[in-house]
Amino acid sequence: MKPTTVHIVDDDPDFREGLAWLLDSRGLPTCSWAGGDVFLQSLRPASPTWDCCVMLLDIRMEPLSGLATFARLKALGWPWPVLFLTGHGDMGMAVAAVKDGAWDFLEKPFQNNLLVDKVEAACVVAQTLHTQGQERLQFQQALAALSAREREVLEQLLQGHYNKNIADHLGITQRTVEFHRANIFEKLQVNSAVELAHRMGRWGSQN
C-alpha cells in the first residue's frame, strides 16, 4: 500500500522545514505548503493532493487562517484527517475545530514523539478511509453493472420479500429468482440479505 503523505501547511518556513525533517526521519513522507491558500489552489479533480493523506494545519496563518482553510476543505468534501497546530491562546479555537470535524490538535511547542505518535495514528485512520472508499467504488460499479432483472430482484430483496413472493411479484419461477439472487450476491460480494441491505445503506447512493 502506498505510504500516506503528510501535508504540512504553515506560513513559517523554518517551522515547516524542521517538521518535515522530523517526519521524514521517522519514515513519514511529507509535502510542505506556505499557506492554506496555496494548498487550496493545488486541489483539482483527481489531483495528487486528493490522494490518501494527513494534514498538519497551522491555526494562525496569513492571508488565509487555518480555520478558514479547514472550512473550505470541508465544503469541498475533504475526507482526510486534519490535525491543527496551535500556539499559546489558541486552545479554544482548536477545541472548536475538533468539534467541527478536525481529527485532533497539537499545541506548540510540542514533544516530537507525541507529534509523531499522533501523525502515525492519523495515517492509520487515513488508510482505513482510503480502503473504505475503494470498497465503496467497487460496490457502486458492481451495482451499476447489474442487469435490469437483477435490479428488480434486488429491490424485492431489500423490501424483505422471500423468493416465492418475489417470483409471484415478477411473474417468474422461484428457481429463476434463486439464480438471480445468487448472481447478485456474487457480484456485490455479500453473503446474506442482511449484509446486502447494510451495504446498500452505506454505499448504495452514488452521491
N, C-alpha and C. Protein backbone atom coordinates (compact mmCIF):
# COMPACT_ATOMS: atom_id res chain seq x y z
N MET A 1 0.84 -1.20 0.00
CA MET A 1 0.00 0.00 0.00
C MET A 1 0.88 1.25 0.00
N LYS A 2 0.46 2.24 -0.78
CA LYS A 2 1.24 3.47 -0.90
C LYS A 2 1.29 4.20 0.45
N PRO A 3 2.50 4.68 0.87
CA PRO A 3 2.61 5.40 2.14
C PRO A 3 1.72 6.64 2.15
N THR A 4 1.25 6.99 3.33
CA THR A 4 0.39 8.16 3.49
C THR A 4 1.23 9.42 3.55
N THR A 5 0.94 10.38 2.68
CA THR A 5 1.66 11.66 2.68
C THR A 5 1.14 12.55 3.80
N VAL A 6 2.07 13.26 4.46
CA VAL A 6 1.70 14.23 5.48
C VAL A 6 1.90 15.62 4.89
N HIS A 7 0.80 16.36 4.71
CA HIS A 7 0.88 17.73 4.21
C HIS A 7 1.08 18.68 5.38
N ILE A 8 2.15 19.44 5.33
CA ILE A 8 2.45 20.44 6.36
C ILE A 8 2.08 21.81 5.81
N VAL A 9 1.07 22.44 6.40
CA VAL A 9 0.59 23.73 5.92
C VAL A 9 0.84 24.76 7.02
N ASP A 10 1.88 25.58 6.82
CA ASP A 10 2.28 26.54 7.85
C ASP A 10 3.02 27.68 7.16
N ASP A 11 2.78 28.92 7.60
CA ASP A 11 3.42 30.06 6.93
C ASP A 11 4.79 30.41 7.49
N ASP A 12 5.30 29.59 8.41
CA ASP A 12 6.64 29.78 8.96
C ASP A 12 7.60 28.81 8.27
N PRO A 13 8.48 29.29 7.37
CA PRO A 13 9.33 28.38 6.60
C PRO A 13 10.28 27.57 7.48
N ASP A 14 10.83 28.14 8.54
CA ASP A 14 11.73 27.40 9.43
C ASP A 14 10.99 26.27 10.13
N PHE A 15 9.78 26.56 10.58
CA PHE A 15 8.98 25.54 11.26
C PHE A 15 8.63 24.41 10.29
N ARG A 16 8.22 24.76 9.07
CA ARG A 16 7.89 23.75 8.06
C ARG A 16 9.07 22.85 7.80
N GLU A 17 10.24 23.46 7.65
CA GLU A 17 11.44 22.68 7.34
C GLU A 17 11.79 21.74 8.48
N GLY A 18 11.72 22.23 9.70
CA GLY A 18 12.04 21.39 10.85
C GLY A 18 11.06 20.25 11.02
N LEU A 19 9.78 20.53 10.82
CA LEU A 19 8.76 19.50 10.95
C LEU A 19 8.89 18.45 9.85
N ALA A 20 9.18 18.91 8.65
CA ALA A 20 9.37 17.97 7.54
C ALA A 20 10.56 17.06 7.81
N TRP A 21 11.66 17.63 8.34
CA TRP A 21 12.84 16.83 8.65
C TRP A 21 12.51 15.78 9.70
N LEU A 22 11.77 16.17 10.75
CA LEU A 22 11.40 15.23 11.81
C LEU A 22 10.58 14.07 11.25
N LEU A 23 9.55 14.37 10.48
CA LEU A 23 8.67 13.32 9.98
C LEU A 23 9.37 12.46 8.95
N ASP A 24 10.16 13.08 8.09
CA ASP A 24 10.92 12.30 7.09
C ASP A 24 11.88 11.34 7.79
N SER A 25 12.47 11.77 8.89
CA SER A 25 13.41 10.92 9.62
C SER A 25 12.73 9.73 10.27
N ARG A 26 11.40 9.83 10.45
CA ARG A 26 10.62 8.72 11.02
C ARG A 26 9.92 7.91 9.94
N GLY A 27 10.30 8.14 8.70
CA GLY A 27 9.74 7.35 7.61
C GLY A 27 8.38 7.80 7.13
N LEU A 28 8.01 9.07 7.44
CA LEU A 28 6.72 9.59 7.03
C LEU A 28 6.94 10.62 5.91
N PRO A 29 6.56 10.31 4.68
CA PRO A 29 6.76 11.24 3.57
C PRO A 29 5.95 12.51 3.76
N THR A 30 6.54 13.66 3.43
CA THR A 30 5.88 14.94 3.65
C THR A 30 5.82 15.77 2.39
N CYS A 31 4.93 16.75 2.42
CA CYS A 31 4.84 17.77 1.38
C CYS A 31 4.49 19.08 2.07
N SER A 32 5.29 20.11 1.86
CA SER A 32 5.13 21.37 2.60
C SER A 32 4.46 22.45 1.76
N TRP A 33 3.65 23.27 2.44
CA TRP A 33 2.91 24.34 1.78
C TRP A 33 3.03 25.60 2.62
N ALA A 34 3.20 26.73 1.95
CA ALA A 34 3.42 28.00 2.64
C ALA A 34 2.15 28.62 3.20
N GLY A 35 1.00 28.05 2.88
CA GLY A 35 -0.24 28.57 3.41
C GLY A 35 -1.44 27.81 2.89
N GLY A 36 -2.58 28.02 3.56
CA GLY A 36 -3.79 27.33 3.15
C GLY A 36 -4.24 27.72 1.76
N ASP A 37 -4.03 28.99 1.39
CA ASP A 37 -4.44 29.45 0.06
C ASP A 37 -3.66 28.72 -1.03
N VAL A 38 -2.36 28.52 -0.78
CA VAL A 38 -1.52 27.81 -1.76
C VAL A 38 -1.97 26.36 -1.90
N PHE A 39 -2.26 25.73 -0.77
CA PHE A 39 -2.71 24.33 -0.82
C PHE A 39 -4.04 24.22 -1.56
N LEU A 40 -4.97 25.09 -1.23
CA LEU A 40 -6.29 25.03 -1.87
C LEU A 40 -6.19 25.22 -3.38
N GLN A 41 -5.24 26.04 -3.83
CA GLN A 41 -5.06 26.26 -5.27
C GLN A 41 -4.60 25.00 -5.98
N SER A 42 -3.99 24.08 -5.23
CA SER A 42 -3.48 22.84 -5.83
C SER A 42 -4.57 21.79 -6.01
N LEU A 43 -5.71 22.00 -5.37
CA LEU A 43 -6.76 21.00 -5.40
C LEU A 43 -7.54 21.05 -6.70
N ARG A 44 -7.44 19.97 -7.45
CA ARG A 44 -8.20 19.82 -8.68
C ARG A 44 -8.73 18.40 -8.71
N PRO A 45 -9.78 18.13 -9.48
CA PRO A 45 -10.27 16.75 -9.60
C PRO A 45 -9.14 15.79 -9.98
N ALA A 46 -9.01 14.73 -9.20
CA ALA A 46 -8.00 13.69 -9.43
C ALA A 46 -6.57 14.18 -9.27
N SER A 47 -6.37 15.33 -8.62
CA SER A 47 -5.00 15.82 -8.40
C SER A 47 -4.35 15.00 -7.29
N PRO A 48 -3.01 14.90 -7.29
CA PRO A 48 -2.32 14.11 -6.27
C PRO A 48 -2.61 14.56 -4.84
N THR A 49 -2.96 15.83 -4.64
CA THR A 49 -3.23 16.31 -3.29
C THR A 49 -4.51 15.71 -2.70
N TRP A 50 -5.32 15.06 -3.55
CA TRP A 50 -6.52 14.38 -3.05
C TRP A 50 -6.21 12.96 -2.60
N ASP A 51 -5.00 12.47 -2.89
CA ASP A 51 -4.65 11.10 -2.50
C ASP A 51 -4.64 10.96 -0.99
N CYS A 52 -4.69 9.72 -0.54
CA CYS A 52 -4.70 9.39 0.89
C CYS A 52 -3.61 10.16 1.63
N CYS A 53 -3.99 10.92 2.65
CA CYS A 53 -3.02 11.79 3.31
C CYS A 53 -3.50 12.20 4.70
N VAL A 54 -2.60 12.90 5.40
CA VAL A 54 -2.90 13.54 6.67
C VAL A 54 -2.44 14.98 6.54
N MET A 55 -3.15 15.92 7.17
CA MET A 55 -2.76 17.32 7.10
C MET A 55 -2.44 17.86 8.48
N LEU A 56 -1.28 18.54 8.57
CA LEU A 56 -0.92 19.32 9.74
C LEU A 56 -1.13 20.77 9.37
N LEU A 57 -2.11 21.43 10.01
CA LEU A 57 -2.58 22.74 9.57
C LEU A 57 -2.43 23.76 10.70
N ASP A 58 -1.58 24.75 10.46
CA ASP A 58 -1.40 25.81 11.46
C ASP A 58 -2.69 26.62 11.59
N ILE A 59 -3.08 26.92 12.82
CA ILE A 59 -4.37 27.58 13.03
C ILE A 59 -4.31 29.07 12.72
N ARG A 60 -3.11 29.68 12.90
CA ARG A 60 -2.96 31.13 12.63
C ARG A 60 -2.03 31.33 11.44
N MET A 61 -2.59 31.75 10.32
CA MET A 61 -1.80 32.00 9.11
C MET A 61 -2.36 33.22 8.40
N GLU A 62 -1.54 33.79 7.55
CA GLU A 62 -1.95 34.88 6.67
C GLU A 62 -1.65 34.47 5.23
N PRO A 63 -2.45 34.84 4.26
CA PRO A 63 -3.67 35.65 4.39
C PRO A 63 -4.90 34.83 4.77
N LEU A 64 -4.81 33.51 4.69
CA LEU A 64 -5.96 32.65 4.98
C LEU A 64 -5.66 31.83 6.23
N SER A 65 -6.47 31.99 7.25
CA SER A 65 -6.23 31.28 8.50
C SER A 65 -6.45 29.78 8.34
N GLY A 66 -5.95 29.02 9.32
CA GLY A 66 -6.17 27.59 9.31
C GLY A 66 -7.63 27.23 9.41
N LEU A 67 -8.37 27.98 10.23
CA LEU A 67 -9.80 27.70 10.37
C LEU A 67 -10.55 27.96 9.07
N ALA A 68 -10.19 29.04 8.36
CA ALA A 68 -10.83 29.34 7.08
C ALA A 68 -10.45 28.28 6.03
N THR A 69 -9.20 27.84 6.08
CA THR A 69 -8.76 26.78 5.16
C THR A 69 -9.55 25.50 5.41
N PHE A 70 -9.70 25.17 6.69
CA PHE A 70 -10.44 23.95 7.07
C PHE A 70 -11.89 24.04 6.61
N ALA A 71 -12.50 25.20 6.77
CA ALA A 71 -13.89 25.37 6.34
C ALA A 71 -14.03 25.14 4.84
N ARG A 72 -13.08 25.64 4.07
CA ARG A 72 -13.13 25.45 2.61
C ARG A 72 -12.90 23.98 2.24
N LEU A 73 -12.00 23.32 2.96
CA LEU A 73 -11.77 21.90 2.71
C LEU A 73 -13.04 21.09 2.98
N LYS A 74 -13.71 21.41 4.07
CA LYS A 74 -14.95 20.70 4.40
C LYS A 74 -15.99 20.91 3.30
N ALA A 75 -16.09 22.13 2.80
CA ALA A 75 -17.05 22.43 1.74
C ALA A 75 -16.75 21.65 0.47
N LEU A 76 -15.48 21.33 0.26
CA LEU A 76 -15.06 20.55 -0.91
C LEU A 76 -15.21 19.05 -0.70
N GLY A 77 -15.56 18.64 0.51
CA GLY A 77 -15.70 17.22 0.81
C GLY A 77 -14.40 16.54 1.17
N TRP A 78 -13.46 17.28 1.72
CA TRP A 78 -12.16 16.73 2.12
C TRP A 78 -12.35 15.60 3.13
N PRO A 79 -11.88 14.37 2.82
CA PRO A 79 -12.16 13.24 3.72
C PRO A 79 -11.06 12.92 4.72
N TRP A 80 -9.87 13.52 4.57
CA TRP A 80 -8.70 13.03 5.30
C TRP A 80 -8.52 13.75 6.65
N PRO A 81 -7.83 13.08 7.58
CA PRO A 81 -7.63 13.66 8.92
C PRO A 81 -6.84 14.97 8.89
N VAL A 82 -7.31 15.95 9.65
CA VAL A 82 -6.64 17.24 9.79
C VAL A 82 -6.28 17.45 11.26
N LEU A 83 -4.99 17.67 11.53
CA LEU A 83 -4.51 17.99 12.87
C LEU A 83 -4.10 19.45 12.89
N PHE A 84 -4.72 20.22 13.76
CA PHE A 84 -4.36 21.63 13.87
C PHE A 84 -3.12 21.81 14.74
N LEU A 85 -2.26 22.72 14.30
CA LEU A 85 -1.09 23.13 15.08
C LEU A 85 -1.42 24.48 15.69
N THR A 86 -1.40 24.55 17.01
CA THR A 86 -1.88 25.76 17.68
C THR A 86 -0.77 26.40 18.52
N GLY A 87 -0.87 27.70 18.67
CA GLY A 87 0.03 28.43 19.55
C GLY A 87 -0.64 28.74 20.87
N HIS A 88 0.06 29.46 21.71
CA HIS A 88 -0.49 29.83 23.01
C HIS A 88 -1.75 30.67 22.84
N GLY A 89 -2.78 30.31 23.56
CA GLY A 89 -4.03 31.07 23.49
C GLY A 89 -4.99 30.60 22.42
N ASP A 90 -4.60 29.57 21.67
CA ASP A 90 -5.47 29.07 20.60
C ASP A 90 -6.28 27.85 21.01
N MET A 91 -6.21 27.44 22.26
CA MET A 91 -6.84 26.20 22.70
C MET A 91 -8.34 26.19 22.41
N GLY A 92 -9.01 27.31 22.69
CA GLY A 92 -10.45 27.36 22.45
C GLY A 92 -10.80 27.14 21.00
N MET A 93 -10.05 27.77 20.11
CA MET A 93 -10.29 27.59 18.68
C MET A 93 -10.02 26.16 18.25
N ALA A 94 -8.97 25.55 18.82
CA ALA A 94 -8.61 24.18 18.45
C ALA A 94 -9.70 23.20 18.88
N VAL A 95 -10.22 23.38 20.09
CA VAL A 95 -11.29 22.50 20.58
C VAL A 95 -12.53 22.66 19.70
N ALA A 96 -12.84 23.90 19.34
CA ALA A 96 -13.99 24.14 18.46
C ALA A 96 -13.79 23.48 17.10
N ALA A 97 -12.55 23.49 16.60
CA ALA A 97 -12.26 22.87 15.30
C ALA A 97 -12.46 21.36 15.36
N VAL A 98 -12.05 20.74 16.47
CA VAL A 98 -12.24 19.30 16.63
C VAL A 98 -13.73 18.97 16.67
N LYS A 99 -14.50 19.78 17.37
CA LYS A 99 -15.94 19.57 17.41
C LYS A 99 -16.56 19.74 16.02
N ASP A 100 -15.89 20.53 15.18
CA ASP A 100 -16.39 20.79 13.84
C ASP A 100 -15.88 19.76 12.82
N GLY A 101 -15.11 18.78 13.30
CA GLY A 101 -14.69 17.71 12.39
C GLY A 101 -13.20 17.52 12.23
N ALA A 102 -12.37 18.40 12.82
CA ALA A 102 -10.92 18.17 12.76
C ALA A 102 -10.60 16.91 13.56
N TRP A 103 -9.51 16.24 13.20
CA TRP A 103 -9.19 14.97 13.84
C TRP A 103 -8.56 15.17 15.22
N ASP A 104 -7.69 16.16 15.35
CA ASP A 104 -7.01 16.40 16.62
C ASP A 104 -6.26 17.72 16.52
N PHE A 105 -5.56 18.09 17.59
CA PHE A 105 -4.73 19.29 17.56
C PHE A 105 -3.52 19.09 18.46
N LEU A 106 -2.50 19.87 18.20
CA LEU A 106 -1.26 19.86 18.99
C LEU A 106 -0.89 21.30 19.31
N GLU A 107 -0.49 21.55 20.55
CA GLU A 107 -0.12 22.90 20.96
C GLU A 107 1.39 23.06 20.87
N LYS A 108 1.83 24.11 20.19
CA LYS A 108 3.25 24.42 20.09
C LYS A 108 3.73 25.05 21.41
N PRO A 109 4.97 24.77 21.86
CA PRO A 109 5.86 23.73 21.32
C PRO A 109 5.40 22.35 21.80
N PHE A 110 5.61 21.35 21.00
CA PHE A 110 5.15 20.00 21.35
C PHE A 110 6.33 19.05 21.39
N GLN A 111 6.13 17.92 22.06
CA GLN A 111 7.16 16.88 22.12
C GLN A 111 7.17 16.13 20.79
N ASN A 112 8.35 15.88 20.27
CA ASN A 112 8.47 15.22 18.97
C ASN A 112 7.78 13.87 18.93
N ASN A 113 8.00 13.08 19.98
CA ASN A 113 7.41 11.73 19.99
C ASN A 113 5.88 11.79 20.01
N LEU A 114 5.34 12.76 20.75
CA LEU A 114 3.88 12.91 20.80
C LEU A 114 3.34 13.28 19.42
N LEU A 115 4.02 14.19 18.75
CA LEU A 115 3.60 14.58 17.41
C LEU A 115 3.62 13.39 16.46
N VAL A 116 4.73 12.67 16.45
CA VAL A 116 4.86 11.53 15.54
C VAL A 116 3.80 10.47 15.85
N ASP A 117 3.55 10.22 17.14
CA ASP A 117 2.53 9.23 17.52
C ASP A 117 1.16 9.63 16.98
N LYS A 118 0.82 10.92 17.12
CA LYS A 118 -0.49 11.37 16.64
C LYS A 118 -0.57 11.33 15.12
N VAL A 119 0.51 11.69 14.46
CA VAL A 119 0.51 11.63 12.99
C VAL A 119 0.38 10.19 12.51
N GLU A 120 1.11 9.27 13.14
CA GLU A 120 1.02 7.87 12.74
C GLU A 120 -0.39 7.32 12.97
N ALA A 121 -1.02 7.71 14.08
CA ALA A 121 -2.40 7.28 14.34
C ALA A 121 -3.35 7.83 13.28
N ALA A 122 -3.12 9.08 12.89
CA ALA A 122 -3.95 9.69 11.84
C ALA A 122 -3.74 9.00 10.50
N CYS A 123 -2.51 8.56 10.24
CA CYS A 123 -2.22 7.83 8.99
C CYS A 123 -2.99 6.52 8.93
N VAL A 124 -3.12 5.85 10.06
CA VAL A 124 -3.90 4.61 10.10
C VAL A 124 -5.36 4.90 9.75
N VAL A 125 -5.89 5.99 10.31
CA VAL A 125 -7.26 6.40 10.01
C VAL A 125 -7.41 6.71 8.52
N ALA A 126 -6.45 7.43 7.97
CA ALA A 126 -6.50 7.79 6.55
C ALA A 126 -6.49 6.55 5.66
N GLN A 127 -5.64 5.56 6.00
CA GLN A 127 -5.58 4.33 5.21
C GLN A 127 -6.91 3.58 5.29
N THR A 128 -7.52 3.58 6.47
CA THR A 128 -8.83 2.92 6.63
C THR A 128 -9.88 3.61 5.76
N LEU A 129 -9.88 4.93 5.78
CA LEU A 129 -10.82 5.69 4.94
C LEU A 129 -10.58 5.41 3.46
N HIS A 130 -9.31 5.31 3.09
CA HIS A 130 -8.96 5.03 1.70
C HIS A 130 -9.50 3.66 1.27
N THR A 131 -9.29 2.66 2.14
CA THR A 131 -9.77 1.31 1.83
C THR A 131 -11.28 1.28 1.70
N GLN A 132 -11.97 1.96 2.62
CA GLN A 132 -13.42 2.02 2.56
C GLN A 132 -13.89 2.72 1.29
N GLY A 133 -13.16 3.75 0.88
CA GLY A 133 -13.51 4.45 -0.34
C GLY A 133 -13.38 3.55 -1.56
N GLN A 134 -12.31 2.74 -1.58
CA GLN A 134 -12.12 1.81 -2.69
C GLN A 134 -13.22 0.75 -2.70
N GLU A 135 -13.60 0.27 -1.53
CA GLU A 135 -14.66 -0.74 -1.43
C GLU A 135 -15.99 -0.17 -1.91
N ARG A 136 -16.24 1.09 -1.52
CA ARG A 136 -17.48 1.74 -1.96
C ARG A 136 -17.51 1.88 -3.47
N LEU A 137 -16.39 2.31 -4.07
CA LEU A 137 -16.33 2.46 -5.52
C LEU A 137 -16.58 1.14 -6.22
N GLN A 138 -15.94 0.06 -5.74
CA GLN A 138 -16.12 -1.25 -6.34
C GLN A 138 -17.56 -1.72 -6.22
N PHE A 139 -18.18 -1.45 -5.06
CA PHE A 139 -19.57 -1.85 -4.85
C PHE A 139 -20.49 -1.11 -5.81
N GLN A 140 -20.28 0.20 -5.94
CA GLN A 140 -21.14 1.00 -6.81
C GLN A 140 -20.95 0.63 -8.28
N GLN A 141 -19.74 0.28 -8.66
CA GLN A 141 -19.51 -0.17 -10.04
C GLN A 141 -20.22 -1.49 -10.30
N ALA A 142 -20.16 -2.42 -9.32
CA ALA A 142 -20.85 -3.70 -9.46
C ALA A 142 -22.36 -3.50 -9.48
N LEU A 143 -22.84 -2.56 -8.66
CA LEU A 143 -24.27 -2.27 -8.61
C LEU A 143 -24.76 -1.74 -9.96
N ALA A 144 -23.98 -0.84 -10.55
CA ALA A 144 -24.36 -0.26 -11.83
C ALA A 144 -24.35 -1.29 -12.96
N ALA A 145 -23.57 -2.37 -12.76
CA ALA A 145 -23.44 -3.40 -13.80
C ALA A 145 -24.52 -4.48 -13.73
N LEU A 146 -25.39 -4.43 -12.71
CA LEU A 146 -26.46 -5.42 -12.61
C LEU A 146 -27.42 -5.28 -13.78
N SER A 147 -27.98 -6.39 -14.21
CA SER A 147 -28.97 -6.36 -15.28
C SER A 147 -30.28 -5.78 -14.76
N ALA A 148 -31.19 -5.45 -15.68
CA ALA A 148 -32.48 -4.88 -15.30
C ALA A 148 -33.25 -5.86 -14.41
N ARG A 149 -33.22 -7.14 -14.74
CA ARG A 149 -33.93 -8.14 -13.94
C ARG A 149 -33.28 -8.29 -12.56
N GLU A 150 -31.95 -8.25 -12.54
CA GLU A 150 -31.27 -8.34 -11.24
C GLU A 150 -31.62 -7.15 -10.35
N ARG A 151 -31.79 -5.98 -10.96
CA ARG A 151 -32.19 -4.80 -10.19
C ARG A 151 -33.58 -4.99 -9.61
N GLU A 152 -34.47 -5.59 -10.38
CA GLU A 152 -35.83 -5.84 -9.89
C GLU A 152 -35.81 -6.80 -8.72
N VAL A 153 -35.03 -7.87 -8.84
CA VAL A 153 -34.92 -8.85 -7.75
C VAL A 153 -34.28 -8.18 -6.53
N LEU A 154 -33.26 -7.35 -6.77
CA LEU A 154 -32.59 -6.65 -5.68
C LEU A 154 -33.58 -5.78 -4.89
N GLU A 155 -34.41 -5.04 -5.59
CA GLU A 155 -35.38 -4.17 -4.92
C GLU A 155 -36.34 -4.99 -4.07
N GLN A 156 -36.73 -6.15 -4.57
CA GLN A 156 -37.63 -7.02 -3.81
C GLN A 156 -36.93 -7.58 -2.56
N LEU A 157 -35.68 -7.95 -2.71
CA LEU A 157 -34.90 -8.46 -1.58
C LEU A 157 -34.79 -7.40 -0.48
N LEU A 158 -34.55 -6.15 -0.90
CA LEU A 158 -34.38 -5.07 0.07
C LEU A 158 -35.69 -4.75 0.80
N GLN A 159 -36.81 -5.16 0.21
CA GLN A 159 -38.10 -4.98 0.87
C GLN A 159 -38.42 -6.14 1.81
N GLY A 160 -37.52 -7.12 1.86
CA GLY A 160 -37.69 -8.23 2.79
C GLY A 160 -38.52 -9.39 2.28
N HIS A 161 -38.79 -9.42 0.97
CA HIS A 161 -39.63 -10.48 0.42
C HIS A 161 -38.84 -11.79 0.27
N TYR A 162 -39.55 -12.91 0.41
CA TYR A 162 -38.93 -14.22 0.21
C TYR A 162 -38.94 -14.57 -1.28
N ASN A 163 -38.16 -15.59 -1.63
CA ASN A 163 -38.02 -15.95 -3.03
C ASN A 163 -39.37 -16.22 -3.71
N LYS A 164 -40.27 -16.94 -3.01
CA LYS A 164 -41.57 -17.28 -3.60
C LYS A 164 -42.38 -16.02 -3.87
N ASN A 165 -42.38 -15.09 -2.91
CA ASN A 165 -43.12 -13.84 -3.10
C ASN A 165 -42.54 -13.03 -4.25
N ILE A 166 -41.21 -13.01 -4.35
CA ILE A 166 -40.55 -12.28 -5.44
C ILE A 166 -40.94 -12.87 -6.78
N ALA A 167 -40.96 -14.21 -6.84
CA ALA A 167 -41.35 -14.88 -8.08
C ALA A 167 -42.78 -14.50 -8.48
N ASP A 168 -43.68 -14.46 -7.52
CA ASP A 168 -45.08 -14.09 -7.80
C ASP A 168 -45.17 -12.64 -8.26
N HIS A 169 -44.43 -11.74 -7.59
CA HIS A 169 -44.47 -10.32 -7.94
C HIS A 169 -43.95 -10.05 -9.34
N LEU A 170 -42.88 -10.79 -9.71
CA LEU A 170 -42.22 -10.52 -11.00
C LEU A 170 -42.70 -11.42 -12.13
N GLY A 171 -43.55 -12.42 -11.79
CA GLY A 171 -44.06 -13.33 -12.81
C GLY A 171 -43.01 -14.26 -13.37
N ILE A 172 -42.07 -14.69 -12.52
CA ILE A 172 -41.03 -15.63 -12.93
C ILE A 172 -41.03 -16.80 -11.94
N THR A 173 -40.26 -17.84 -12.26
CA THR A 173 -40.23 -19.01 -11.39
C THR A 173 -39.35 -18.75 -10.17
N GLN A 174 -39.60 -19.49 -9.12
CA GLN A 174 -38.79 -19.36 -7.91
C GLN A 174 -37.35 -19.74 -8.19
N ARG A 175 -37.15 -20.72 -9.06
CA ARG A 175 -35.78 -21.14 -9.41
C ARG A 175 -35.03 -19.99 -10.11
N THR A 176 -35.75 -19.24 -10.94
CA THR A 176 -35.12 -18.09 -11.61
C THR A 176 -34.74 -17.02 -10.60
N VAL A 177 -35.60 -16.80 -9.61
CA VAL A 177 -35.29 -15.84 -8.55
C VAL A 177 -34.03 -16.27 -7.81
N GLU A 178 -33.94 -17.56 -7.49
CA GLU A 178 -32.77 -18.08 -6.79
C GLU A 178 -31.50 -17.88 -7.61
N PHE A 179 -31.63 -18.05 -8.92
CA PHE A 179 -30.49 -17.85 -9.82
C PHE A 179 -30.04 -16.39 -9.79
N HIS A 180 -31.00 -15.46 -9.92
CA HIS A 180 -30.65 -14.04 -9.89
C HIS A 180 -30.11 -13.63 -8.53
N ARG A 181 -30.70 -14.15 -7.48
CA ARG A 181 -30.25 -13.83 -6.13
C ARG A 181 -28.80 -14.23 -5.93
N ALA A 182 -28.45 -15.43 -6.40
CA ALA A 182 -27.07 -15.91 -6.28
C ALA A 182 -26.12 -15.01 -7.07
N ASN A 183 -26.54 -14.61 -8.27
CA ASN A 183 -25.71 -13.72 -9.08
C ASN A 183 -25.50 -12.37 -8.41
N ILE A 184 -26.58 -11.82 -7.83
CA ILE A 184 -26.49 -10.53 -7.14
C ILE A 184 -25.51 -10.62 -5.98
N PHE A 185 -25.63 -11.66 -5.18
CA PHE A 185 -24.74 -11.83 -4.02
C PHE A 185 -23.29 -11.95 -4.47
N GLU A 186 -23.06 -12.69 -5.55
CA GLU A 186 -21.69 -12.86 -6.04
C GLU A 186 -21.13 -11.55 -6.58
N LYS A 187 -21.91 -10.84 -7.37
CA LYS A 187 -21.43 -9.59 -7.98
C LYS A 187 -21.17 -8.51 -6.93
N LEU A 188 -22.04 -8.44 -5.91
CA LEU A 188 -21.90 -7.42 -4.88
C LEU A 188 -21.08 -7.90 -3.69
N GLN A 189 -20.60 -9.15 -3.77
CA GLN A 189 -19.71 -9.71 -2.75
C GLN A 189 -20.33 -9.65 -1.35
N VAL A 190 -21.55 -10.16 -1.25
CA VAL A 190 -22.23 -10.28 0.04
C VAL A 190 -22.66 -11.72 0.23
N ASN A 191 -22.94 -12.08 1.48
CA ASN A 191 -23.30 -13.46 1.79
C ASN A 191 -24.72 -13.63 2.29
N SER A 192 -25.42 -12.53 2.51
CA SER A 192 -26.78 -12.61 3.02
C SER A 192 -27.56 -11.37 2.66
N ALA A 193 -28.88 -11.46 2.78
CA ALA A 193 -29.72 -10.30 2.50
C ALA A 193 -29.48 -9.19 3.52
N VAL A 194 -29.15 -9.56 4.75
CA VAL A 194 -28.86 -8.57 5.78
C VAL A 194 -27.60 -7.78 5.43
N GLU A 195 -26.55 -8.49 4.99
CA GLU A 195 -25.31 -7.82 4.59
C GLU A 195 -25.56 -6.96 3.36
N LEU A 196 -26.41 -7.44 2.45
CA LEU A 196 -26.75 -6.67 1.26
C LEU A 196 -27.43 -5.36 1.64
N ALA A 197 -28.40 -5.43 2.56
CA ALA A 197 -29.11 -4.23 2.99
C ALA A 197 -28.16 -3.25 3.68
N HIS A 198 -27.23 -3.79 4.46
CA HIS A 198 -26.27 -2.95 5.17
C HIS A 198 -25.39 -2.20 4.17
N ARG A 199 -24.87 -2.89 3.17
CA ARG A 199 -24.01 -2.24 2.19
C ARG A 199 -24.77 -1.26 1.31
N MET A 200 -26.01 -1.59 0.99
CA MET A 200 -26.82 -0.65 0.21
C MET A 200 -27.07 0.62 1.01
N GLY A 201 -27.27 0.46 2.31
CA GLY A 201 -27.48 1.63 3.16
C GLY A 201 -26.26 2.53 3.23
N ARG A 202 -25.06 1.91 3.22
CA ARG A 202 -23.81 2.67 3.32
C ARG A 202 -23.36 3.20 1.97
N TRP A 203 -23.47 2.36 0.94
CA TRP A 203 -22.80 2.67 -0.32
C TRP A 203 -23.72 2.70 -1.53
N GLY A 204 -25.01 2.47 -1.34
CA GLY A 204 -25.91 2.35 -2.48
C GLY A 204 -26.11 3.65 -3.23
N SER A 205 -25.96 4.77 -2.53
CA SER A 205 -26.15 6.07 -3.18
C SER A 205 -24.92 6.44 -3.97
N GLN A 206 -25.10 6.99 -5.14
CA GLN A 206 -23.99 7.45 -5.97
C GLN A 206 -23.53 8.85 -5.55
N ASN A 207 -24.28 9.51 -4.68
CA ASN A 207 -23.95 10.88 -4.29
C ASN A 207 -22.96 10.92 -3.17
